[in-house]
N, C-alpha and C. Protein backbone atom coordinates (compact mmCIF):
# COMPACT_ATOMS: atom_id res chain seq x y z
N UNK A 1 0.83 -1.17 0.00
CA UNK A 1 0.00 0.00 0.00
C UNK A 1 0.87 1.24 0.00
N UNK A 2 0.34 2.30 -0.58
CA UNK A 2 1.06 3.56 -0.67
C UNK A 2 0.13 4.70 -0.30
N UNK A 3 0.74 5.79 0.10
CA UNK A 3 -0.02 7.01 0.35
C UNK A 3 0.87 8.20 0.03
N UNK A 4 0.27 9.34 -0.17
CA UNK A 4 1.01 10.57 -0.46
C UNK A 4 0.73 11.55 0.67
N UNK A 5 1.81 12.06 1.28
CA UNK A 5 1.67 13.06 2.34
C UNK A 5 2.72 14.14 2.14
N UNK A 6 2.52 15.27 2.81
CA UNK A 6 3.48 16.36 2.72
C UNK A 6 4.80 15.96 3.37
N UNK A 7 5.90 16.43 2.81
CA UNK A 7 7.22 16.09 3.32
C UNK A 7 7.38 16.47 4.79
N UNK A 8 6.76 17.56 5.21
CA UNK A 8 6.86 18.01 6.60
C UNK A 8 6.24 17.01 7.58
N UNK A 9 5.38 16.14 7.08
CA UNK A 9 4.71 15.16 7.93
C UNK A 9 5.49 13.86 8.08
N UNK A 10 6.68 13.81 7.52
CA UNK A 10 7.49 12.60 7.54
C UNK A 10 8.66 12.77 8.51
N UNK A 11 8.94 11.73 9.26
CA UNK A 11 10.08 11.75 10.17
C UNK A 11 10.87 10.47 9.99
N UNK A 12 12.18 10.60 9.93
CA UNK A 12 13.04 9.43 9.83
C UNK A 12 13.14 8.78 11.21
N UNK A 13 12.97 7.47 11.25
CA UNK A 13 12.99 6.72 12.50
C UNK A 13 14.12 5.70 12.46
N UNK A 14 14.85 5.61 13.54
CA UNK A 14 15.90 4.61 13.66
C UNK A 14 15.28 3.23 13.45
N UNK A 15 15.84 2.42 12.56
CA UNK A 15 15.26 1.10 12.30
C UNK A 15 15.21 0.19 13.53
N UNK A 16 16.02 0.49 14.55
CA UNK A 16 16.02 -0.32 15.76
C UNK A 16 14.98 0.15 16.79
N UNK A 17 14.33 1.28 16.51
CA UNK A 17 13.35 1.82 17.46
C UNK A 17 12.12 0.92 17.55
N UNK A 18 11.55 0.84 18.74
CA UNK A 18 10.33 0.07 18.97
C UNK A 18 9.14 0.87 18.43
N UNK A 19 8.53 0.39 17.36
CA UNK A 19 7.44 1.13 16.73
C UNK A 19 6.24 1.31 17.65
N UNK A 20 6.05 0.42 18.61
CA UNK A 20 4.96 0.59 19.57
C UNK A 20 5.16 1.81 20.46
N UNK A 21 6.39 2.25 20.60
CA UNK A 21 6.68 3.45 21.40
C UNK A 21 6.83 4.68 20.52
N UNK A 22 7.45 4.51 19.38
CA UNK A 22 7.68 5.63 18.47
C UNK A 22 6.36 6.23 17.98
N UNK A 23 5.35 5.39 17.81
CA UNK A 23 4.07 5.88 17.30
C UNK A 23 3.46 6.92 18.23
N UNK A 24 3.79 6.89 19.51
CA UNK A 24 3.26 7.88 20.46
C UNK A 24 3.74 9.28 20.13
N UNK A 25 4.94 9.39 19.58
CA UNK A 25 5.48 10.71 19.24
C UNK A 25 4.64 11.35 18.15
N UNK A 26 4.23 10.57 17.18
CA UNK A 26 3.47 11.10 16.06
C UNK A 26 2.03 11.43 16.39
N UNK A 27 1.53 10.97 17.52
CA UNK A 27 0.13 11.22 17.87
C UNK A 27 0.03 11.93 19.22
N UNK A 28 0.22 11.23 20.29
CA UNK A 28 0.02 11.79 21.62
C UNK A 28 0.92 12.97 21.95
N UNK A 29 2.19 12.82 21.67
CA UNK A 29 3.14 13.89 22.00
C UNK A 29 2.90 15.12 21.13
N UNK A 30 2.78 14.93 19.84
CA UNK A 30 2.60 16.09 18.96
C UNK A 30 1.26 16.78 19.22
N UNK A 31 0.24 16.04 19.61
CA UNK A 31 -1.05 16.65 19.91
C UNK A 31 -0.99 17.48 21.18
N UNK A 32 -0.52 16.90 22.27
CA UNK A 32 -0.48 17.60 23.55
C UNK A 32 0.54 18.73 23.59
N UNK A 33 1.76 18.43 23.24
CA UNK A 33 2.83 19.42 23.25
C UNK A 33 2.55 20.50 22.21
N UNK A 34 2.10 20.07 21.03
CA UNK A 34 1.79 21.02 19.96
C UNK A 34 0.67 21.97 20.33
N UNK A 35 -0.33 21.49 21.07
CA UNK A 35 -1.43 22.36 21.49
C UNK A 35 -0.92 23.49 22.37
N UNK A 36 -0.03 23.16 23.30
CA UNK A 36 0.51 24.19 24.19
C UNK A 36 1.41 25.15 23.41
N UNK A 37 2.26 24.63 22.58
CA UNK A 37 3.23 25.46 21.88
C UNK A 37 2.64 26.29 20.75
N UNK A 38 1.59 25.77 20.10
CA UNK A 38 1.11 26.42 18.88
C UNK A 38 -0.31 26.96 18.93
N UNK A 39 -1.13 26.49 19.86
CA UNK A 39 -2.54 26.84 19.78
C UNK A 39 -3.13 27.60 20.95
N UNK A 40 -2.71 27.33 22.15
CA UNK A 40 -3.44 27.89 23.29
C UNK A 40 -2.89 29.22 23.80
N UNK A 41 -1.84 29.73 23.22
CA UNK A 41 -1.28 31.03 23.61
C UNK A 41 -0.99 31.12 25.11
N UNK A 42 -0.50 30.04 25.68
CA UNK A 42 -0.17 30.05 27.10
C UNK A 42 1.02 30.97 27.35
N UNK A 43 0.87 31.84 28.32
CA UNK A 43 1.95 32.77 28.65
C UNK A 43 2.72 32.27 29.87
N UNK A 44 4.00 32.62 29.97
CA UNK A 44 4.77 32.25 31.16
C UNK A 44 4.06 32.78 32.41
N UNK A 45 4.07 31.99 33.46
CA UNK A 45 3.40 32.37 34.70
C UNK A 45 1.96 31.91 34.79
N UNK A 46 1.44 31.30 33.73
CA UNK A 46 0.06 30.82 33.72
C UNK A 46 -0.11 29.62 34.65
N UNK A 47 -1.34 29.44 35.12
CA UNK A 47 -1.72 28.24 35.85
C UNK A 47 -2.44 27.33 34.87
N UNK A 48 -2.07 26.06 34.86
CA UNK A 48 -2.61 25.11 33.88
C UNK A 48 -3.24 23.93 34.60
N UNK A 49 -4.39 23.48 34.10
CA UNK A 49 -5.03 22.27 34.62
C UNK A 49 -5.17 21.28 33.48
N UNK A 50 -4.76 20.05 33.72
CA UNK A 50 -4.80 19.00 32.70
C UNK A 50 -5.66 17.85 33.22
N UNK A 51 -6.72 17.53 32.47
CA UNK A 51 -7.58 16.39 32.81
C UNK A 51 -7.16 15.21 31.96
N UNK A 52 -6.76 14.13 32.58
CA UNK A 52 -6.36 12.93 31.87
C UNK A 52 -4.86 12.89 31.68
N UNK A 53 -4.23 11.84 32.18
CA UNK A 53 -2.78 11.75 32.16
C UNK A 53 -2.28 10.62 31.28
N UNK A 54 -2.86 10.53 30.10
CA UNK A 54 -2.35 9.63 29.08
C UNK A 54 -1.26 10.35 28.30
N UNK A 55 -0.96 9.88 27.11
CA UNK A 55 0.12 10.48 26.31
C UNK A 55 -0.14 11.95 26.01
N UNK A 56 -1.36 12.29 25.66
CA UNK A 56 -1.68 13.69 25.34
C UNK A 56 -1.56 14.56 26.58
N UNK A 57 -2.18 14.15 27.68
CA UNK A 57 -2.13 14.95 28.90
C UNK A 57 -0.72 15.15 29.42
N UNK A 58 0.08 14.10 29.42
CA UNK A 58 1.47 14.22 29.87
C UNK A 58 2.26 15.16 28.98
N UNK A 59 1.96 15.14 27.69
CA UNK A 59 2.65 16.03 26.76
C UNK A 59 2.21 17.48 26.95
N UNK A 60 0.96 17.69 27.32
CA UNK A 60 0.50 19.05 27.67
C UNK A 60 1.28 19.54 28.89
N UNK A 61 1.43 18.70 29.89
CA UNK A 61 2.18 19.07 31.08
C UNK A 61 3.61 19.45 30.71
N UNK A 62 4.23 18.63 29.89
CA UNK A 62 5.61 18.89 29.48
C UNK A 62 5.72 20.22 28.74
N UNK A 63 4.80 20.45 27.81
CA UNK A 63 4.82 21.71 27.06
C UNK A 63 4.57 22.91 27.95
N UNK A 64 3.63 22.78 28.89
CA UNK A 64 3.33 23.88 29.80
C UNK A 64 4.53 24.20 30.68
N UNK A 65 5.23 23.18 31.12
CA UNK A 65 6.43 23.39 31.93
C UNK A 65 7.49 24.14 31.12
N UNK A 66 7.69 23.71 29.89
CA UNK A 66 8.68 24.36 29.03
C UNK A 66 8.30 25.82 28.77
N UNK A 67 6.99 26.09 28.61
CA UNK A 67 6.52 27.46 28.35
C UNK A 67 6.51 28.33 29.59
N UNK A 68 6.82 27.76 30.75
CA UNK A 68 6.95 28.57 31.96
C UNK A 68 5.71 28.67 32.82
N UNK A 69 4.85 27.66 32.80
CA UNK A 69 3.68 27.67 33.68
C UNK A 69 4.13 27.78 35.13
N UNK A 70 3.42 28.59 35.91
CA UNK A 70 3.80 28.74 37.32
C UNK A 70 3.26 27.61 38.17
N UNK A 71 2.12 27.03 37.78
CA UNK A 71 1.54 25.92 38.52
C UNK A 71 0.79 25.04 37.54
N UNK A 72 1.02 23.73 37.65
CA UNK A 72 0.36 22.76 36.78
C UNK A 72 -0.37 21.75 37.64
N UNK A 73 -1.70 21.69 37.45
CA UNK A 73 -2.55 20.72 38.14
C UNK A 73 -2.79 19.54 37.20
N UNK A 74 -2.61 18.34 37.68
CA UNK A 74 -2.86 17.12 36.90
C UNK A 74 -4.01 16.37 37.55
N UNK A 75 -5.06 16.11 36.78
CA UNK A 75 -6.27 15.49 37.32
C UNK A 75 -6.55 14.19 36.58
N UNK A 76 -6.68 13.11 37.33
CA UNK A 76 -6.95 11.80 36.73
C UNK A 76 -7.57 10.89 37.78
N UNK A 77 -8.37 9.93 37.33
CA UNK A 77 -8.97 8.98 38.27
C UNK A 77 -8.00 7.86 38.66
N UNK A 78 -6.87 7.77 37.96
CA UNK A 78 -5.89 6.73 38.22
C UNK A 78 -4.67 7.33 38.93
N UNK A 79 -4.59 7.13 40.23
CA UNK A 79 -3.47 7.68 41.01
C UNK A 79 -2.13 7.09 40.59
N UNK A 80 -2.14 5.96 39.92
CA UNK A 80 -0.91 5.35 39.45
C UNK A 80 -0.18 6.19 38.42
N UNK A 81 -0.86 7.16 37.85
CA UNK A 81 -0.24 8.03 36.84
C UNK A 81 0.39 9.28 37.45
N UNK A 82 0.20 9.50 38.74
CA UNK A 82 0.66 10.74 39.35
C UNK A 82 2.18 10.86 39.39
N UNK A 83 2.86 9.76 39.64
CA UNK A 83 4.33 9.82 39.73
C UNK A 83 4.94 10.31 38.41
N UNK A 84 4.48 9.75 37.30
CA UNK A 84 5.04 10.18 36.02
C UNK A 84 4.59 11.59 35.68
N UNK A 85 3.38 11.97 36.08
CA UNK A 85 2.92 13.34 35.84
C UNK A 85 3.84 14.33 36.55
N UNK A 86 4.25 14.00 37.75
CA UNK A 86 5.19 14.87 38.48
C UNK A 86 6.54 14.93 37.76
N UNK A 87 6.99 13.80 37.22
CA UNK A 87 8.26 13.79 36.49
C UNK A 87 8.18 14.67 35.24
N UNK A 88 6.99 14.75 34.64
CA UNK A 88 6.81 15.58 33.46
C UNK A 88 6.63 17.05 33.81
N UNK A 89 6.39 17.36 35.09
CA UNK A 89 6.30 18.76 35.51
C UNK A 89 5.07 19.16 36.28
N UNK A 90 4.16 18.23 36.57
CA UNK A 90 2.97 18.58 37.35
C UNK A 90 3.36 18.96 38.78
N UNK A 91 2.73 20.00 39.29
CA UNK A 91 2.98 20.44 40.66
C UNK A 91 2.01 19.81 41.65
N UNK A 92 0.76 19.66 41.22
CA UNK A 92 -0.29 19.12 42.09
C UNK A 92 -1.05 18.06 41.31
N UNK A 93 -1.23 16.89 41.91
CA UNK A 93 -2.02 15.83 41.29
C UNK A 93 -3.26 15.59 42.15
N UNK A 94 -4.38 15.35 41.47
CA UNK A 94 -5.64 15.18 42.19
C UNK A 94 -6.49 14.10 41.55
N UNK A 95 -7.06 13.25 42.40
CA UNK A 95 -8.00 12.23 41.95
C UNK A 95 -9.41 12.71 42.33
N UNK A 96 -10.25 13.00 41.34
CA UNK A 96 -11.61 13.46 41.64
C UNK A 96 -12.40 12.40 42.41
N UNK A 97 -13.31 12.87 43.23
CA UNK A 97 -14.20 11.99 43.99
C UNK A 97 -15.64 12.43 43.74
N UNK A 98 -16.60 11.59 44.08
CA UNK A 98 -18.00 12.02 43.94
C UNK A 98 -18.31 13.27 44.78
N UNK A 99 -17.61 13.42 45.88
CA UNK A 99 -17.82 14.58 46.75
C UNK A 99 -17.14 15.84 46.23
N UNK A 100 -16.02 15.67 45.53
CA UNK A 100 -15.28 16.83 45.03
C UNK A 100 -14.68 16.52 43.67
N UNK A 101 -15.32 17.04 42.63
CA UNK A 101 -14.81 16.82 41.28
C UNK A 101 -13.60 17.72 41.02
N UNK A 102 -13.01 17.57 39.86
CA UNK A 102 -11.81 18.34 39.53
C UNK A 102 -12.04 19.84 39.52
N UNK A 103 -13.16 20.27 38.98
CA UNK A 103 -13.47 21.71 38.91
C UNK A 103 -13.58 22.30 40.31
N UNK A 104 -14.30 21.62 41.19
CA UNK A 104 -14.45 22.10 42.57
C UNK A 104 -13.09 22.16 43.26
N UNK A 105 -12.27 21.14 43.07
CA UNK A 105 -10.93 21.13 43.66
C UNK A 105 -10.13 22.35 43.20
N UNK A 106 -10.17 22.63 41.90
CA UNK A 106 -9.41 23.77 41.37
C UNK A 106 -9.92 25.09 41.93
N UNK A 107 -11.22 25.24 42.01
CA UNK A 107 -11.79 26.49 42.52
C UNK A 107 -11.43 26.72 43.99
N UNK A 108 -11.22 25.65 44.72
CA UNK A 108 -10.84 25.76 46.13
C UNK A 108 -9.33 25.96 46.32
N UNK A 109 -8.57 25.74 45.28
CA UNK A 109 -7.12 25.87 45.37
C UNK A 109 -6.67 27.00 44.50
């Protein structure tokens, strides 16, 4: 099978790279990081809240940190993702509860 795409959409990949991991760069990383860098006009010193800590959410955190966010909140129902979120630059991680959802938590903090 063949397809035609713009040259800018092509990236050379080391033949030894694990394609199951490399594919995340072309989707999750470019979506999350690209949104912060190119679309949302985030200014240094901004406070950022990220819902969902999958590939896209973690990449948003990374981009926000690079752009100089003063505080980054990471919100997810899976506390197992908090450690890596902190490594990517999250300052505060929160697991929503029926008593206090993410929005309420942010408004109180």
